[in-house]
Amino acid sequence: MKRETKSLTSIPTTRHDATDPVLQRQIADRAYQLFEMRGHSHGSDVDDWLRAEREVRAAWGRKRTASRPKSVINGRSRPKTPRAA
C-alpha cells in the first residue's frame, strides 16, 4: 500500500518561523515601504527591517488570535459553567 505524504508547504505552521517564506516576504515588503517613506535615504536598513519584523509578527499574532475559537483560552478549553434553567 502506497503511503501519501504531505509536502512541508501544505502543513500550516503555528509558529512564526524565521524560515517561513511568506513571513520573510511580508517583512521585506514592509521594510521597503519604510525605506520609501523615509524618502529612499540610505543607512537605516537594519532599523527598517527590525521595525518591519515587529509589525508583521504582531499582525500575524493578531490574525492568529482572532481566528482562534472563543472556547479556547491560552491553549486550554474554557471551563463549562452550568446554564440557568
C-alpha atoms as a PDB file:
ATOM      1  CA  MET A   1       0.000   0.000   0.000  1.00  0.00           C
ATOM      2  CA  LYS A   2       1.421   3.368  -1.042  1.00  0.00           C
ATOM      3  CA  ARG A   3       1.625   5.926   1.717  1.00  0.00           C
ATOM      4  CA  GLU A   4       0.955   9.553   0.821  1.00  0.00           C
ATOM      5  CA  THR A   5       2.919  12.279   2.498  1.00  0.00           C
ATOM      6  CA  LYS A   6       2.143  15.950   2.671  1.00  0.00           C
ATOM      7  CA  SER A   7       4.676  18.429   1.428  1.00  0.00           C
ATOM      8  CA  LEU A   8       6.038  20.798   4.029  1.00  0.00           C
ATOM      9  CA  THR A   9       4.437  23.759   2.284  1.00  0.00           C
ATOM     10  CA  SER A  10       0.944  22.348   2.787  1.00  0.00           C
ATOM     11  CA  ILE A  11       1.310  21.905   6.540  1.00  0.00           C
ATOM     12  CA  PRO A  12       0.140  25.040   8.364  1.00  0.00           C
ATOM     13  CA  THR A  13       2.594  26.392  10.886  1.00  0.00           C
ATOM     14  CA  THR A  14       1.577  27.781  14.226  1.00  0.00           C
ATOM     15  CA  ARG A  15       4.928  29.411  14.977  1.00  0.00           C
ATOM     16  CA  HIS A  16       6.261  32.480  13.273  1.00  0.00           C
ATOM     17  CA  ASP A  17       9.282  30.619  11.989  1.00  0.00           C
ATOM     18  CA  ALA A  18      12.082  32.796  10.632  1.00  0.00           C
ATOM     19  CA  THR A  19      12.414  30.433   7.664  1.00  0.00           C
ATOM     20  CA  ASP A  20       8.764  30.851   6.625  1.00  0.00           C
ATOM     21  CA  PRO A  21       8.958  32.339   3.102  1.00  0.00           C
ATOM     22  CA  VAL A  22       5.605  34.121   3.410  1.00  0.00           C
ATOM     23  CA  LEU A  23       6.701  35.800   6.640  1.00  0.00           C
ATOM     24  CA  GLN A  24      10.056  36.792   5.125  1.00  0.00           C
ATOM     25  CA  ARG A  25       8.373  38.261   2.022  1.00  0.00           C
ATOM     26  CA  GLN A  26       5.955  40.314   4.123  1.00  0.00           C
ATOM     27  CA  ILE A  27       8.778  41.627   6.310  1.00  0.00           C
ATOM     28  CA  ALA A  28      10.853  42.531   3.253  1.00  0.00           C
ATOM     29  CA  ASP A  29       7.906  44.307   1.630  1.00  0.00           C
ATOM     30  CA  ARG A  30       7.188  46.284   4.807  1.00  0.00           C
ATOM     31  CA  ALA A  31      10.864  47.182   5.264  1.00  0.00           C
ATOM     32  CA  TYR A  32      10.923  48.526   1.706  1.00  0.00           C
ATOM     33  CA  GLN A  33       7.778  50.569   2.396  1.00  0.00           C
ATOM     34  CA  LEU A  34       9.519  52.103   5.408  1.00  0.00           C
ATOM     35  CA  PHE A  35      12.564  52.878   3.235  1.00  0.00           C
ATOM     36  CA  GLU A  36      10.290  54.595   0.714  1.00  0.00           C
ATOM     37  CA  MET A  37       8.520  56.551   3.468  1.00  0.00           C
ATOM     38  CA  ARG A  38      11.906  57.934   4.557  1.00  0.00           C
ATOM     39  CA  GLY A  39      12.472  59.263   1.041  1.00  0.00           C
ATOM     40  CA  HIS A  40      14.831  56.455  -0.047  1.00  0.00           C
ATOM     41  CA  SER A  41      17.539  57.682   2.311  1.00  0.00           C
ATOM     42  CA  HIS A  42      20.151  55.023   2.985  1.00  0.00           C
ATOM     43  CA  GLY A  43      21.740  53.991   6.265  1.00  0.00           C
ATOM     44  CA  SER A  44      18.727  52.721   8.230  1.00  0.00           C
ATOM     45  CA  ASP A  45      18.200  49.342   6.591  1.00  0.00           C
ATOM     46  CA  VAL A  46      18.603  47.378   9.828  1.00  0.00           C
ATOM     47  CA  ASP A  47      16.225  49.693  11.687  1.00  0.00           C
ATOM     48  CA  ASP A  48      13.686  49.356   8.852  1.00  0.00           C
ATOM     49  CA  TRP A  49      13.992  45.569   8.879  1.00  0.00           C
ATOM     50  CA  LEU A  50      13.615  45.272  12.662  1.00  0.00           C
ATOM     51  CA  ARG A  51      10.613  47.605  12.721  1.00  0.00           C
ATOM     52  CA  ALA A  52       9.021  45.725   9.822  1.00  0.00           C
ATOM     53  CA  GLU A  53       9.648  42.416  11.582  1.00  0.00           C
ATOM     54  CA  ARG A  54       7.966  43.650  14.776  1.00  0.00           C
ATOM     55  CA  GLU A  55       4.970  44.980  12.849  1.00  0.00           C
ATOM     56  CA  VAL A  56       4.471  41.903  10.675  1.00  0.00           C
ATOM     57  CA  ARG A  57       4.896  39.446  13.561  1.00  0.00           C
ATOM     58  CA  ALA A  58       2.417  41.460  15.645  1.00  0.00           C
ATOM     59  CA  ALA A  59      -0.077  41.394  12.770  1.00  0.00           C
ATOM     60  CA  TRP A  60       0.378  37.618  12.383  1.00  0.00           C
ATOM     61  CA  GLY A  61      -0.214  37.217  16.124  1.00  0.00           C
ATOM     62  CA  ARG A  62      -3.418  39.283  15.985  1.00  0.00           C
ATOM     63  CA  LYS A  63      -4.632  37.320  12.973  1.00  0.00           C
ATOM     64  CA  ARG A  64      -3.931  34.009  14.730  1.00  0.00           C
ATOM     65  CA  THR A  65      -5.672  35.155  17.932  1.00  0.00           C
ATOM     66  CA  ALA A  66      -8.684  36.428  16.000  1.00  0.00           C
ATOM     67  CA  SER A  67      -9.104  33.097  14.210  1.00  0.00           C
ATOM     68  CA  ARG A  68      -8.846  31.066  17.435  1.00  0.00           C
ATOM     69  CA  PRO A  69     -12.171  29.699  18.737  1.00  0.00           C
ATOM     70  CA  LYS A  70     -13.554  31.685  21.663  1.00  0.00           C
ATOM     71  CA  SER A  71     -13.919  28.497  23.696  1.00  0.00           C
ATOM     72  CA  VAL A  72     -10.145  28.244  23.965  1.00  0.00           C
ATOM     73  CA  ILE A  73      -8.160  30.459  26.310  1.00  0.00           C
ATOM     74  CA  ASN A  74      -4.370  30.200  26.405  1.00  0.00           C
ATOM     75  CA  GLY A  75      -4.474  26.824  24.685  1.00  0.00           C
ATOM     76  CA  ARG A  76      -6.905  25.375  27.217  1.00  0.00           C
ATOM     77  CA  SER A  77     -10.612  24.750  26.911  1.00  0.00           C
ATOM     78  CA  ARG A  78     -12.800  27.169  28.780  1.00  0.00           C
ATOM     79  CA  PRO A  79     -14.417  25.518  31.828  1.00  0.00           C
ATOM     80  CA  LYS A  80     -18.065  24.696  31.331  1.00  0.00           C
ATOM     81  CA  THR A  81     -20.457  26.627  33.507  1.00  0.00           C
ATOM     82  CA  PRO A  82     -23.963  25.417  34.261  1.00  0.00           C
ATOM     83  CA  ARG A  83     -26.685  27.291  32.420  1.00  0.00           C
ATOM     84  CA  ALA A  84     -29.599  28.789  34.256  1.00  0.00           C
ATOM     85  CA  ALA A  85     -32.859  26.990  33.579  1.00  0.00           C
END
